[in-house]
Amino acid sequence: MKDKSPMVADELTLDQIMQRYSTDETARAYLEAIRWPNGIVCPHCKSADASRIWKIKPDEKRKIRAGLYSCGECKKQFTCTVGTIFEDSHIPLRKWLVAWHLISSSKKGISSLQIQRILGLGSYRTALFMMHRIRHTLKEPLWTSNLAARWKLTKLTLAGKHAAKAVTSWATKFQSFRLSSAAGVSARK
């Protein structure tokens, strides 16, 4: 199967996801591309002025983490995880992306214990924490409206009655679970 582009997470296998986002830097770059497709925006003051936002160089000695930005308007620091389900989590972003893929691509769901085993998480509570946050995000109206549009588009692009009928039955069957095969970011309320 050919990959469409390096930033598309649709139709990827677990192996491809794990290879593509094997480091936190690549996972962070992917999240930044999703969150800020038109350039970086401060989540605190909503400033999009590129001359007033700059990247802070990571430094382990001074405990400056990678992916940190500073806004000249509000004088606050932020990363691509501020205001998302990934905020205030010590779990690496690469593990979040793999968990998102596993949850959204499994037909009958996946247990927290299985997520713990696959990702090598330290405890069951950590896996449960991740599952709760991801499932909470998937029940947002943003996801359900995007899925309905996606199913209609899929029905239109498939040729033949049988293919469209299969997509319709699949959509009806899994609409209550509100799953998506695309990895994404949603703001917390």
Protein backbone atom coordinates (compact mmCIF):
# COMPACT_ATOMS: atom_id res chain seq x y z
CA MET A 1 0.00 0.00 0.00
CA LYS A 2 1.42 3.38 -1.01
CA ASP A 3 1.38 6.27 1.43
CA LYS A 4 -0.20 9.45 0.10
CA SER A 5 2.06 11.86 2.01
CA PRO A 6 4.21 11.80 5.14
CA MET A 7 1.56 13.68 7.15
CA VAL A 8 -1.49 11.52 6.36
CA ALA A 9 -2.44 9.08 9.11
CA ASP A 10 -5.38 7.60 7.17
CA GLU A 11 -5.19 3.99 6.07
CA LEU A 12 -1.88 3.29 7.81
CA THR A 13 -1.03 0.01 9.42
CA LEU A 14 0.14 -0.17 13.03
CA ASP A 15 3.67 -0.91 11.84
CA GLN A 16 3.68 2.16 9.59
CA ILE A 17 2.37 4.34 12.41
CA MET A 18 5.04 3.07 14.81
CA GLN A 19 7.80 3.64 12.24
CA ARG A 20 6.56 7.04 11.11
CA TYR A 21 6.15 8.40 14.65
CA SER A 22 8.97 6.51 16.31
CA THR A 23 10.33 9.62 18.01
CA ASP A 24 8.63 12.37 19.96
CA GLU A 25 10.01 14.96 17.53
CA THR A 26 8.20 13.40 14.55
CA ALA A 27 5.00 12.98 16.58
CA ARG A 28 5.21 16.62 17.70
CA ALA A 29 5.79 17.79 14.11
CA TYR A 30 2.69 15.85 13.04
CA LEU A 31 0.55 17.39 15.80
CA GLU A 32 1.83 20.87 14.98
CA ALA A 33 0.92 20.37 11.32
CA ILE A 34 -2.61 19.29 12.31
CA ARG A 35 -3.14 21.97 14.91
CA TRP A 36 -1.57 24.87 13.03
CA PRO A 37 -1.97 24.25 9.28
CA ASN A 38 -1.71 28.00 8.52
CA GLY A 39 1.09 28.81 10.95
CA ILE A 40 1.54 28.84 14.70
CA VAL A 41 -1.18 30.49 16.81
CA CYS A 42 -0.80 31.23 20.51
CA PRO A 43 -3.45 29.22 22.39
CA HIS A 44 -3.54 31.81 25.18
CA CYS A 45 -4.14 35.10 23.31
CA LYS A 46 -4.90 33.70 19.81
CA SER A 47 -2.12 35.79 18.25
CA ALA A 48 -1.02 34.50 14.84
CA ASP A 49 1.64 37.14 14.20
CA ALA A 50 4.69 35.07 13.19
CA SER A 51 7.06 37.92 14.14
CA ARG A 52 5.75 37.84 17.74
CA ILE A 53 6.02 34.05 18.23
CA TRP A 54 9.36 32.32 18.40
CA LYS A 55 10.63 28.84 19.12
CA ILE A 56 12.70 28.32 22.26
CA LYS A 57 15.72 26.10 21.79
CA PRO A 58 15.56 22.90 23.88
CA ASP A 59 18.22 22.58 26.58
CA GLU A 60 18.38 19.64 29.00
CA LYS A 61 20.67 21.46 31.44
CA ARG A 62 18.20 24.33 31.84
CA LYS A 63 15.23 21.91 31.63
CA ILE A 64 13.74 23.50 28.52
CA ARG A 65 11.63 20.92 26.71
CA ALA A 66 11.48 20.43 22.96
CA GLY A 67 8.65 22.06 21.00
CA LEU A 68 8.35 25.07 23.31
CA TYR A 69 7.25 28.42 21.87
CA SER A 70 7.00 31.87 23.39
CA CYS A 71 4.45 34.55 22.50
CA GLY A 72 5.52 38.20 22.47
CA GLU A 73 1.93 39.43 22.81
CA CYS A 74 0.92 37.73 26.06
CA LYS A 75 4.45 36.77 27.23
CA LYS A 76 3.39 33.14 27.80
CA GLN A 77 5.03 29.91 26.72
CA PHE A 78 3.18 27.07 24.99
CA THR A 79 3.53 23.86 23.00
CA CYS A 80 1.24 22.15 20.50
CA THR A 81 -0.31 20.17 23.36
CA VAL A 82 -1.76 23.16 25.27
CA GLY A 83 -5.54 22.93 25.35
CA THR A 84 -5.64 19.37 24.02
CA ILE A 85 -6.05 15.92 25.54
CA PHE A 86 -2.26 15.62 25.51
CA GLU A 87 -1.79 18.54 27.92
CA ASP A 88 -0.37 17.77 31.39
CA SER A 89 0.54 14.24 30.37
CA HIS A 90 3.93 12.67 30.89
CA ILE A 91 3.13 9.98 28.33
CA PRO A 92 5.22 10.45 25.16
CA LEU A 93 3.33 11.83 22.16
CA ARG A 94 4.34 8.86 20.02
CA LYS A 95 2.48 6.54 22.40
CA TRP A 96 -0.57 8.81 22.29
CA LEU A 97 -0.65 8.59 18.48
CA VAL A 98 -0.32 4.81 18.50
CA ALA A 99 -3.08 4.54 21.13
CA TRP A 100 -5.31 6.82 19.05
CA HIS A 101 -4.75 4.60 16.02
CA LEU A 102 -5.46 1.41 17.97
CA ILE A 103 -8.69 2.76 19.48
CA SER A 104 -10.04 4.19 16.25
CA SER A 105 -9.10 1.27 14.00
CA SER A 106 -10.32 -1.66 16.10
CA LYS A 107 -13.77 -2.87 15.09
CA LYS A 108 -14.91 -4.15 18.47
CA GLY A 109 -12.97 -1.77 20.67
CA ILE A 110 -9.82 -2.36 22.64
CA SER A 111 -9.32 -2.70 26.37
CA SER A 112 -7.10 -0.55 28.52
CA LEU A 113 -5.17 -3.64 29.53
CA GLN A 114 -4.41 -4.40 25.88
CA ILE A 115 -3.27 -0.79 25.32
CA GLN A 116 -1.00 -1.14 28.36
CA ARG A 117 0.56 -4.31 26.95
CA ILE A 118 1.02 -3.02 23.40
CA LEU A 119 2.49 0.35 24.37
CA GLY A 120 4.52 -0.93 27.31
CA LEU A 121 2.92 1.51 29.73
CA GLY A 122 3.89 1.31 33.38
CA SER A 123 0.45 0.80 34.85
CA TYR A 124 -3.13 -0.01 34.01
CA ARG A 125 -4.19 3.39 35.38
CA THR A 126 -2.02 5.14 32.78
CA ALA A 127 -3.69 3.20 29.96
CA LEU A 128 -7.12 3.88 31.44
CA PHE A 129 -6.27 7.60 31.66
CA MET A 130 -5.36 7.63 27.96
CA MET A 131 -8.47 5.70 26.94
CA HIS A 132 -10.76 8.05 28.87
CA ARG A 133 -9.25 11.15 27.27
CA ILE A 134 -9.34 9.74 23.73
CA ARG A 135 -12.90 8.46 24.07
CA HIS A 136 -14.02 11.78 25.55
CA THR A 137 -12.58 13.54 22.50
CA LEU A 138 -14.25 11.14 20.08
CA LYS A 139 -17.69 11.91 21.47
CA GLU A 140 -17.39 15.64 20.66
CA PRO A 141 -19.83 16.93 17.99
CA LEU A 142 -16.87 17.97 15.82
CA TRP A 143 -15.98 14.31 15.29
CA THR A 144 -19.50 13.08 14.60
CA SER A 145 -20.18 15.78 11.99
CA ASN A 146 -16.83 15.11 10.28
CA LEU A 147 -17.57 11.38 10.21
CA ALA A 148 -21.01 11.85 8.67
CA ALA A 149 -19.51 14.00 5.89
CA ARG A 150 -16.73 11.47 5.38
CA TRP A 151 -19.19 8.57 5.03
CA LYS A 152 -21.22 10.51 2.44
CA LEU A 153 -18.05 11.30 0.51
CA THR A 154 -16.98 7.65 0.62
CA LYS A 155 -20.39 6.58 -0.67
CA LEU A 156 -20.12 9.02 -3.57
CA THR A 157 -16.63 7.96 -4.58
CA LEU A 158 -17.26 4.22 -4.54
CA ALA A 159 -18.59 2.68 -7.73
CA GLY A 160 -21.49 0.24 -7.65
CA LYS A 161 -24.49 -0.39 -5.41
CA HIS A 162 -22.84 -3.10 -3.30
CA ALA A 163 -19.89 -0.92 -2.25
CA ALA A 164 -22.15 2.00 -1.29
CA LYS A 165 -24.45 -0.37 0.61
CA ALA A 166 -21.46 -1.81 2.51
CA VAL A 167 -20.26 1.66 3.50
CA THR A 168 -23.76 2.67 4.63
CA SER A 169 -24.12 -0.43 6.80
CA TRP A 170 -20.64 0.09 8.23
CA ALA A 171 -21.44 3.74 9.02
CA THR A 172 -24.73 2.83 10.68
CA LYS A 173 -23.14 0.02 12.67
CA PHE A 174 -20.30 2.10 14.08
CA GLN A 175 -21.95 5.51 14.31
CA SER A 176 -22.85 4.92 17.95
CA PHE A 177 -19.19 4.39 18.79
CA ARG A 178 -18.19 7.58 16.95
CA LEU A 179 -14.85 6.23 15.85
CA SER A 180 -12.50 7.86 13.39
CA SER A 181 -9.51 6.42 11.60
CA ALA A 182 -7.80 9.78 11.42
CA ALA A 183 -5.51 10.83 14.23
CA GLY A 184 -6.31 14.35 15.43
CA VAL A 185 -6.39 16.87 18.15
CA SER A 186 -9.40 18.31 19.95
CA ALA A 187 -9.45 21.08 22.50
CA ARG A 188 -10.55 20.30 26.02
CA LYS A 189 -13.33 22.30 27.58
